Amino acid sequence: MSEITFSSEEKSEIIQKVQKYFNQELDQEIGSFDAEFLIDFFAKEVGPYFYNRGLYDAQQLVTERVEEIGYLIQELEKTTKL
């Protein structure tokens, strides 16, 4: 898996969300540098868990759809006489 990176716009939005969370939920101020440091930590250390979960969920969805297609194909089969 490659390193998780965000565009500058995405990172700025995430930083604002972290700062808002700290302010509203923890009643603490957090600077942009600290918020960015925290985001980088989570992206590196926790991000792979979310990434892998996303892959697992996508794989499950594809498996379900392929199974559905298999049933639809079976419904198209013609009866044969011997």
PDB file of N, CA and C in Angstrom:
ATOM      1  N   MET A   1       0.843  -1.175   0.000  1.00  0.00           N
ATOM      2  CA  MET A   1       0.000   0.000   0.000  1.00  0.00           C
ATOM      3  C   MET A   1       0.884   1.233   0.000  1.00  0.00           C
ATOM      4  N   SER A   2       0.538   2.181  -0.838  1.00  0.00           N
ATOM      5  CA  SER A   2       1.304   3.421  -0.862  1.00  0.00           C
ATOM      6  C   SER A   2       0.898   4.322   0.300  1.00  0.00           C
ATOM      7  N   GLU A   3       1.727   5.282   0.566  1.00  0.00           N
ATOM      8  CA  GLU A   3       1.470   6.199   1.669  1.00  0.00           C
ATOM      9  C   GLU A   3       0.201   7.008   1.414  1.00  0.00           C
ATOM     10  N   ILE A   4      -0.578   7.220   2.444  1.00  0.00           N
ATOM     11  CA  ILE A   4      -1.808   7.992   2.317  1.00  0.00           C
ATOM     12  C   ILE A   4      -1.451   9.468   2.296  1.00  0.00           C
ATOM     13  N   THR A   5      -1.847  10.141   1.228  1.00  0.00           N
ATOM     14  CA  THR A   5      -1.585  11.569   1.106  1.00  0.00           C
ATOM     15  C   THR A   5      -2.879  12.288   0.752  1.00  0.00           C
ATOM     16  N   PHE A   6      -2.946  13.546   1.103  1.00  0.00           N
ATOM     17  CA  PHE A   6      -4.109  14.374   0.826  1.00  0.00           C
ATOM     18  C   PHE A   6      -3.666  15.622   0.087  1.00  0.00           C
ATOM     19  N   SER A   7      -4.556  16.166  -0.727  1.00  0.00           N
ATOM     20  CA  SER A   7      -4.265  17.440  -1.380  1.00  0.00           C
ATOM     21  C   SER A   7      -4.220  18.523  -0.301  1.00  0.00           C
ATOM     22  N   SER A   8      -3.676  19.674  -0.654  1.00  0.00           N
ATOM     23  CA  SER A   8      -3.590  20.753   0.337  1.00  0.00           C
ATOM     24  C   SER A   8      -4.990  21.207   0.761  1.00  0.00           C
ATOM     25  N   GLU A   9      -5.955  21.175  -0.165  1.00  0.00           N
ATOM     26  CA  GLU A   9      -7.329  21.546   0.184  1.00  0.00           C
ATOM     27  C   GLU A   9      -7.931  20.531   1.154  1.00  0.00           C
ATOM     28  N   GLU A  10      -7.717  19.236   0.876  1.00  0.00           N
ATOM     29  CA  GLU A  10      -8.234  18.197   1.764  1.00  0.00           C
ATOM     30  C   GLU A  10      -7.608  18.311   3.149  1.00  0.00           C
ATOM     31  N   LYS A  11      -6.283  18.495   3.176  1.00  0.00           N
ATOM     32  CA  LYS A  11      -5.588  18.583   4.457  1.00  0.00           C
ATOM     33  C   LYS A  11      -6.076  19.785   5.259  1.00  0.00           C
ATOM     34  N   SER A  12      -6.281  20.897   4.589  1.00  0.00           N
ATOM     35  CA  SER A  12      -6.773  22.091   5.259  1.00  0.00           C
ATOM     36  C   SER A  12      -8.150  21.846   5.860  1.00  0.00           C
ATOM     37  N   GLU A  13      -9.009  21.168   5.112  1.00  0.00           N
ATOM     38  CA  GLU A  13     -10.356  20.864   5.613  1.00  0.00           C
ATOM     39  C   GLU A  13     -10.288  19.900   6.801  1.00  0.00           C
ATOM     40  N   ILE A  14      -9.415  18.913   6.722  1.00  0.00           N
ATOM     41  CA  ILE A  14      -9.269  17.952   7.815  1.00  0.00           C
ATOM     42  C   ILE A  14      -8.723  18.647   9.060  1.00  0.00           C
ATOM     43  N   ILE A  15      -7.752  19.522   8.873  1.00  0.00           N
ATOM     44  CA  ILE A  15      -7.186  20.276   9.997  1.00  0.00           C
ATOM     45  C   ILE A  15      -8.288  21.064  10.705  1.00  0.00           C
ATOM     46  N   GLN A  16      -9.138  21.722   9.921  1.00  0.00           N
ATOM     47  CA  GLN A  16     -10.236  22.492  10.517  1.00  0.00           C
ATOM     48  C   GLN A  16     -11.181  21.583  11.298  1.00  0.00           C
ATOM     49  N   LYS A  17     -11.455  20.404  10.771  1.00  0.00           N
ATOM     50  CA  LYS A  17     -12.345  19.464  11.461  1.00  0.00           C
ATOM     51  C   LYS A  17     -11.727  18.997  12.780  1.00  0.00           C
ATOM     52  N   VAL A  18     -10.419  18.719  12.772  1.00  0.00           N
ATOM     53  CA  VAL A  18      -9.735  18.292  13.996  1.00  0.00           C
ATOM     54  C   VAL A  18      -9.763  19.419  15.016  1.00  0.00           C
ATOM     55  N   GLN A  19      -9.468  20.632  14.578  1.00  0.00           N
ATOM     56  CA  GLN A  19      -9.489  21.767  15.493  1.00  0.00           C
ATOM     57  C   GLN A  19     -10.893  21.980  16.068  1.00  0.00           C
ATOM     58  N   LYS A  20     -11.901  21.858  15.225  1.00  0.00           N
ATOM     59  CA  LYS A  20     -13.282  22.019  15.687  1.00  0.00           C
ATOM     60  C   LYS A  20     -13.635  20.928  16.695  1.00  0.00           C
ATOM     61  N   TYR A  21     -13.221  19.695  16.423  1.00  0.00           N
ATOM     62  CA  TYR A  21     -13.501  18.586  17.338  1.00  0.00           C
ATOM     63  C   TYR A  21     -12.852  18.843  18.701  1.00  0.00           C
ATOM     64  N   PHE A  22     -11.582  19.204  18.681  1.00  0.00           N
ATOM     65  CA  PHE A  22     -10.881  19.466  19.947  1.00  0.00           C
ATOM     66  C   PHE A  22     -11.566  20.580  20.727  1.00  0.00           C
ATOM     67  N   ASN A  23     -11.995  21.601  20.020  1.00  0.00           N
ATOM     68  CA  ASN A  23     -12.632  22.747  20.668  1.00  0.00           C
ATOM     69  C   ASN A  23     -13.991  22.371  21.243  1.00  0.00           C
ATOM     70  N   GLN A  24     -14.822  21.699  20.453  1.00  0.00           N
ATOM     71  CA  GLN A  24     -16.189  21.406  20.883  1.00  0.00           C
ATOM     72  C   GLN A  24     -16.276  20.226  21.849  1.00  0.00           C
ATOM     73  N   GLU A  25     -15.530  19.179  21.583  1.00  0.00           N
ATOM     74  CA  GLU A  25     -15.669  17.954  22.370  1.00  0.00           C
ATOM     75  C   GLU A  25     -14.717  17.883  23.562  1.00  0.00           C
ATOM     76  N   LEU A  26     -13.539  18.472  23.408  1.00  0.00           N
ATOM     77  CA  LEU A  26     -12.538  18.373  24.472  1.00  0.00           C
ATOM     78  C   LEU A  26     -12.287  19.710  25.167  1.00  0.00           C
ATOM     79  N   ASP A  27     -12.942  20.754  24.668  1.00  0.00           N
ATOM     80  CA  ASP A  27     -12.789  22.096  25.216  1.00  0.00           C
ATOM     81  C   ASP A  27     -11.319  22.501  25.279  1.00  0.00           C
ATOM     82  N   GLN A  28     -10.609  22.208  24.184  1.00  0.00           N
ATOM     83  CA  GLN A  28      -9.186  22.546  24.082  1.00  0.00           C
ATOM     84  C   GLN A  28      -8.918  23.173  22.727  1.00  0.00           C
ATOM     85  N   GLU A  29      -7.993  24.092  22.715  1.00  0.00           N
ATOM     86  CA  GLU A  29      -7.543  24.691  21.461  1.00  0.00           C
ATOM     87  C   GLU A  29      -6.364  23.861  20.945  1.00  0.00           C
ATOM     88  N   ILE A  30      -6.339  23.646  19.638  1.00  0.00           N
ATOM     89  CA  ILE A  30      -5.209  22.948  19.026  1.00  0.00           C
ATOM     90  C   ILE A  30      -4.799  23.751  17.794  1.00  0.00           C
ATOM     91  N   GLY A  31      -3.511  23.977  17.679  1.00  0.00           N
ATOM     92  CA  GLY A  31      -3.005  24.755  16.555  1.00  0.00           C
ATOM     93  C   GLY A  31      -2.968  23.939  15.272  1.00  0.00           C
ATOM     94  N   SER A  32      -2.784  24.630  14.175  1.00  0.00           N
ATOM     95  CA  SER A  32      -2.743  23.971  12.866  1.00  0.00           C
ATOM     96  C   SER A  32      -1.607  22.955  12.788  1.00  0.00           C
ATOM     97  N   PHE A  33      -0.438  23.330  13.325  1.00  0.00           N
ATOM     98  CA  PHE A  33       0.719  22.434  13.275  1.00  0.00           C
ATOM     99  C   PHE A  33       0.430  21.143  14.040  1.00  0.00           C
ATOM    100  N   ASP A  34      -0.115  21.279  15.240  1.00  0.00           N
ATOM    101  CA  ASP A  34      -0.430  20.099  16.049  1.00  0.00           C
ATOM    102  C   ASP A  34      -1.512  19.244  15.392  1.00  0.00           C
ATOM    103  N   ALA A  35      -2.515  19.892  14.824  1.00  0.00           N
ATOM    104  CA  ALA A  35      -3.578  19.155  14.136  1.00  0.00           C
ATOM    105  C   ALA A  35      -3.021  18.400  12.940  1.00  0.00           C
ATOM    106  N   GLU A  36      -2.148  19.047  12.178  1.00  0.00           N
ATOM    107  CA  GLU A  36      -1.538  18.393  11.020  1.00  0.00           C
ATOM    108  C   GLU A  36      -0.664  17.220  11.456  1.00  0.00           C
ATOM    109  N   PHE A  37       0.074  17.396  12.533  1.00  0.00           N
ATOM    110  CA  PHE A  37       0.910  16.324  13.072  1.00  0.00           C
ATOM    111  C   PHE A  37       0.037  15.127  13.469  1.00  0.00           C
ATOM    112  N   LEU A  38      -1.099  15.399  14.110  1.00  0.00           N
ATOM    113  CA  LEU A  38      -2.032  14.351  14.521  1.00  0.00           C
ATOM    114  C   LEU A  38      -2.617  13.638  13.301  1.00  0.00           C
ATOM    115  N   ILE A  39      -2.982  14.405  12.283  1.00  0.00           N
ATOM    116  CA  ILE A  39      -3.521  13.819  11.052  1.00  0.00           C
ATOM    117  C   ILE A  39      -2.488  12.910  10.397  1.00  0.00           C
ATOM    118  N   ASP A  40      -1.258  13.370  10.318  1.00  0.00           N
ATOM    119  CA  ASP A  40      -0.196  12.552   9.715  1.00  0.00           C
ATOM    120  C   ASP A  40       0.000  11.250  10.494  1.00  0.00           C
ATOM    121  N   PHE A  41      -0.069  11.348  11.823  1.00  0.00           N
ATOM    122  CA  PHE A  41       0.059  10.153  12.655  1.00  0.00           C
ATOM    123  C   PHE A  41      -1.055   9.163  12.345  1.00  0.00           C
ATOM    124  N   PHE A  42      -2.294   9.653  12.346  1.00  0.00           N
ATOM    125  CA  PHE A  42      -3.423   8.760  12.077  1.00  0.00           C
ATOM    126  C   PHE A  42      -3.369   8.192  10.663  1.00  0.00           C
ATOM    127  N   ALA A  43      -2.982   8.999   9.702  1.00  0.00           N
ATOM    128  CA  ALA A  43      -2.883   8.517   8.323  1.00  0.00           C
ATOM    129  C   ALA A  43      -1.866   7.381   8.228  1.00  0.00           C
ATOM    130  N   LYS A  44      -0.754   7.535   8.935  1.00  0.00           N
ATOM    131  CA  LYS A  44       0.309   6.521   8.866  1.00  0.00           C
ATOM    132  C   LYS A  44      -0.009   5.293   9.712  1.00  0.00           C
ATOM    133  N   GLU A  45      -0.487   5.498  10.925  1.00  0.00           N
ATOM    134  CA  GLU A  45      -0.640   4.395  11.868  1.00  0.00           C
ATOM    135  C   GLU A  45      -2.027   3.749  11.873  1.00  0.00           C
ATOM    136  N   VAL A  46      -3.057   4.528  11.622  1.00  0.00           N
ATOM    137  CA  VAL A  46      -4.424   4.012  11.696  1.00  0.00           C
ATOM    138  C   VAL A  46      -5.043   3.891  10.306  1.00  0.00           C
ATOM    139  N   GLY A  47      -4.611   4.735   9.402  1.00  0.00           N
ATOM    140  CA  GLY A  47      -5.156   4.745   8.046  1.00  0.00           C
ATOM    141  C   GLY A  47      -5.194   3.380   7.372  1.00  0.00           C
ATOM    142  N   PRO A  48      -4.131   2.565   7.493  1.00  0.00           N
ATOM    143  CA  PRO A  48      -4.168   1.258   6.838  1.00  0.00           C
ATOM    144  C   PRO A  48      -5.318   0.363   7.296  1.00  0.00           C
ATOM    145  N   TYR A  49      -5.747   0.505   8.546  1.00  0.00           N
ATOM    146  CA  TYR A  49      -6.890  -0.290   9.015  1.00  0.00           C
ATOM    147  C   TYR A  49      -8.164   0.101   8.262  1.00  0.00           C
ATOM    148  N   PHE A  50      -8.379   1.413   8.105  1.00  0.00           N
ATOM    149  CA  PHE A  50      -9.546   1.889   7.368  1.00  0.00           C
ATOM    150  C   PHE A  50      -9.444   1.519   5.887  1.00  0.00           C
ATOM    151  N   TYR A  51      -8.247   1.649   5.346  1.00  0.00           N
ATOM    152  CA  TYR A  51      -8.010   1.296   3.942  1.00  0.00           C
ATOM    153  C   TYR A  51      -8.316  -0.179   3.707  1.00  0.00           C
ATOM    154  N   ASN A  52      -7.789  -1.033   4.568  1.00  0.00           N
ATOM    155  CA  ASN A  52      -8.019  -2.469   4.430  1.00  0.00           C
ATOM    156  C   ASN A  52      -9.484  -2.817   4.593  1.00  0.00           C
ATOM    157  N   ARG A  53     -10.173  -2.148   5.521  1.00  0.00           N
ATOM    158  CA  ARG A  53     -11.605  -2.373   5.692  1.00  0.00           C
ATOM    159  C   ARG A  53     -12.356  -1.985   4.422  1.00  0.00           C
ATOM    160  N   GLY A  54     -11.966  -0.890   3.811  1.00  0.00           N
ATOM    161  CA  GLY A  54     -12.583  -0.463   2.550  1.00  0.00           C
ATOM    162  C   GLY A  54     -12.377  -1.488   1.449  1.00  0.00           C
ATOM    163  N   LEU A  55     -11.162  -2.044   1.382  1.00  0.00           N
ATOM    164  CA  LEU A  55     -10.891  -3.088   0.388  1.00  0.00           C
ATOM    165  C   LEU A  55     -11.736  -4.324   0.652  1.00  0.00           C
ATOM    166  N   TYR A  56     -11.831  -4.715   1.911  1.00  0.00           N
ATOM    167  CA  TYR A  56     -12.632  -5.882   2.282  1.00  0.00           C
ATOM    168  C   TYR A  56     -14.097  -5.656   1.905  1.00  0.00           C
ATOM    169  N   ASP A  57     -14.622  -4.474   2.232  1.00  0.00           N
ATOM    170  CA  ASP A  57     -16.007  -4.165   1.906  1.00  0.00           C
ATOM    171  C   ASP A  57     -16.234  -4.171   0.397  1.00  0.00           C
ATOM    172  N   ALA A  58     -15.294  -3.615  -0.356  1.00  0.00           N
ATOM    173  CA  ALA A  58     -15.405  -3.608  -1.818  1.00  0.00           C
ATOM    174  C   ALA A  58     -15.368  -5.030  -2.366  1.00  0.00           C
ATOM    175  N   GLN A  59     -14.489  -5.864  -1.814  1.00  0.00           N
ATOM    176  CA  GLN A  59     -14.395  -7.248  -2.256  1.00  0.00           C
ATOM    177  C   GLN A  59     -15.695  -7.993  -1.973  1.00  0.00           C
ATOM    178  N   GLN A  60     -16.290  -7.759  -0.818  1.00  0.00           N
ATOM    179  CA  GLN A  60     -17.566  -8.393  -0.479  1.00  0.00           C
ATOM    180  C   GLN A  60     -18.657  -7.973  -1.463  1.00  0.00           C
ATOM    181  N   LEU A  61     -18.697  -6.690  -1.789  1.00  0.00           N
ATOM    182  CA  LEU A  61     -19.696  -6.182  -2.714  1.00  0.00           C
ATOM    183  C   LEU A  61     -19.524  -6.804  -4.098  1.00  0.00           C
ATOM    184  N   VAL A  62     -18.296  -6.866  -4.578  1.00  0.00           N
ATOM    185  CA  VAL A  62     -18.034  -7.471  -5.888  1.00  0.00           C
ATOM    186  C   VAL A  62     -18.430  -8.941  -5.873  1.00  0.00           C
ATOM    187  N   THR A  63     -18.100  -9.656  -4.813  1.00  0.00           N
ATOM    188  CA  THR A  63     -18.459 -11.074  -4.707  1.00  0.00           C
ATOM    189  C   THR A  63     -19.972 -11.251  -4.760  1.00  0.00           C
ATOM    190  N   GLU A  64     -20.703 -10.413  -4.030  1.00  0.00           N
ATOM    191  CA  GLU A  64     -22.167 -10.490  -4.043  1.00  0.00           C
ATOM    192  C   GLU A  64     -22.724 -10.229  -5.430  1.00  0.00           C
ATOM    193  N   ARG A  65     -22.187  -9.227  -6.115  1.00  0.00           N
ATOM    194  CA  ARG A  65     -22.685  -8.878  -7.456  1.00  0.00           C
ATOM    195  C   ARG A  65     -22.366  -9.983  -8.465  1.00  0.00           C
ATOM    196  N   VAL A  66     -21.197 -10.578  -8.370  1.00  0.00           N
ATOM    197  CA  VAL A  66     -20.837 -11.672  -9.279  1.00  0.00           C
ATOM    198  C   VAL A  66     -21.769 -12.854  -9.051  1.00  0.00           C
ATOM    199  N   GLU A  67     -22.089 -13.118  -7.804  1.00  0.00           N
ATOM    200  CA  GLU A  67     -23.015 -14.200  -7.480  1.00  0.00           C
ATOM    201  C   GLU A  67     -24.396 -13.914  -8.073  1.00  0.00           C
ATOM    202  N   GLU A  68     -24.855 -12.668  -7.965  1.00  0.00           N
ATOM    203  CA  GLU A  68     -26.138 -12.283  -8.546  1.00  0.00           C
ATOM    204  C   GLU A  68     -26.126 -12.475 -10.060  1.00  0.00           C
ATOM    205  N   ILE A  69     -25.030 -12.081 -10.688  1.00  0.00           N
ATOM    206  CA  ILE A  69     -24.914 -12.246 -12.140  1.00  0.00           C
ATOM    207  C   ILE A  69     -24.966 -13.725 -12.501  1.00  0.00           C
ATOM    208  N   GLY A  70     -24.331 -14.560 -11.687  1.00  0.00           N
ATOM    209  CA  GLY A  70     -24.374 -16.004 -11.924  1.00  0.00           C
ATOM    210  C   GLY A  70     -25.797 -16.526 -11.910  1.00  0.00           C
ATOM    211  N   TYR A  71     -26.597 -16.064 -10.967  1.00  0.00           N
ATOM    212  CA  TYR A  71     -28.008 -16.481 -10.906  1.00  0.00           C
ATOM    213  C   TYR A  71     -28.777 -15.976 -12.127  1.00  0.00           C
ATOM    214  N   LEU A  72     -28.517 -14.754 -12.537  1.00  0.00           N
ATOM    215  CA  LEU A  72     -29.201 -14.200 -13.712  1.00  0.00           C
ATOM    216  C   LEU A  72     -28.845 -14.984 -14.972  1.00  0.00           C
ATOM    217  N   ILE A  73     -27.603 -15.386 -15.074  1.00  0.00           N
ATOM    218  CA  ILE A  73     -27.185 -16.187 -16.236  1.00  0.00           C
ATOM    219  C   ILE A  73     -27.882 -17.541 -16.213  1.00  0.00           C
ATOM    220  N   GLN A  74     -27.988 -18.152 -15.049  1.00  0.00           N
ATOM    221  CA  GLN A  74     -28.690 -19.440 -14.944  1.00  0.00           C
ATOM    222  C   GLN A  74     -30.136 -19.307 -15.385  1.00  0.00           C
ATOM    223  N   GLU A  75     -30.774 -18.201 -15.065  1.00  0.00           N
ATOM    224  CA  GLU A  75     -32.156 -17.982 -15.467  1.00  0.00           C
ATOM    225  C   GLU A  75     -32.315 -17.891 -16.972  1.00  0.00           C
ATOM    226  N   LEU A  76     -31.254 -17.549 -17.674  1.00  0.00           N
ATOM    227  CA  LEU A  76     -31.295 -17.428 -19.129  1.00  0.00           C
ATOM    228  C   LEU A  76     -31.114 -18.775 -19.851  1.00  0.00           C
ATOM    229  N   GLU A  77     -30.701 -19.800 -19.105  1.00  0.00           N
ATOM    230  CA  GLU A  77     -30.471 -21.092 -19.730  1.00  0.00           C
ATOM    231  C   GLU A  77     -31.763 -21.635 -20.340  1.00  0.00           C
ATOM    232  N   LYS A  78     -31.603 -22.269 -21.485  1.00  0.00           N
ATOM    233  CA  LYS A  78     -32.724 -22.902 -22.179  1.00  0.00           C
ATOM    234  C   LYS A  78     -32.814 -24.357 -21.738  1.00  0.00           C
ATOM    235  N   THR A  79     -34.017 -24.850 -21.704  1.00  0.00           N
ATOM    236  CA  THR A  79     -34.178 -26.271 -21.389  1.00  0.00           C
ATOM    237  C   THR A  79     -33.789 -27.094 -22.610  1.00  0.00           C
ATOM    238  N   THR A  80     -33.239 -28.232 -22.332  1.00  0.00           N
ATOM    239  CA  THR A  80     -32.840 -29.136 -23.424  1.00  0.00           C
ATOM    240  C   THR A  80     -33.547 -30.463 -23.240  1.00  0.00           C
ATOM    241  N   LYS A  81     -33.802 -31.134 -24.375  1.00  0.00           N
ATOM    242  CA  LYS A  81     -34.448 -32.447 -24.331  1.00  0.00           C
ATOM    243  C   LYS A  81     -33.440 -33.489 -24.751  1.00  0.00           C
ATOM    244  N   LEU A  82     -33.504 -34.604 -24.110  1.00  0.00           N
ATOM    245  CA  LEU A  82     -32.631 -35.718 -24.490  1.00  0.00           C
ATOM    246  C   LEU A  82     -33.378 -36.714 -25.287  1.00  0.00           C
TER     247      LEU A  82
END
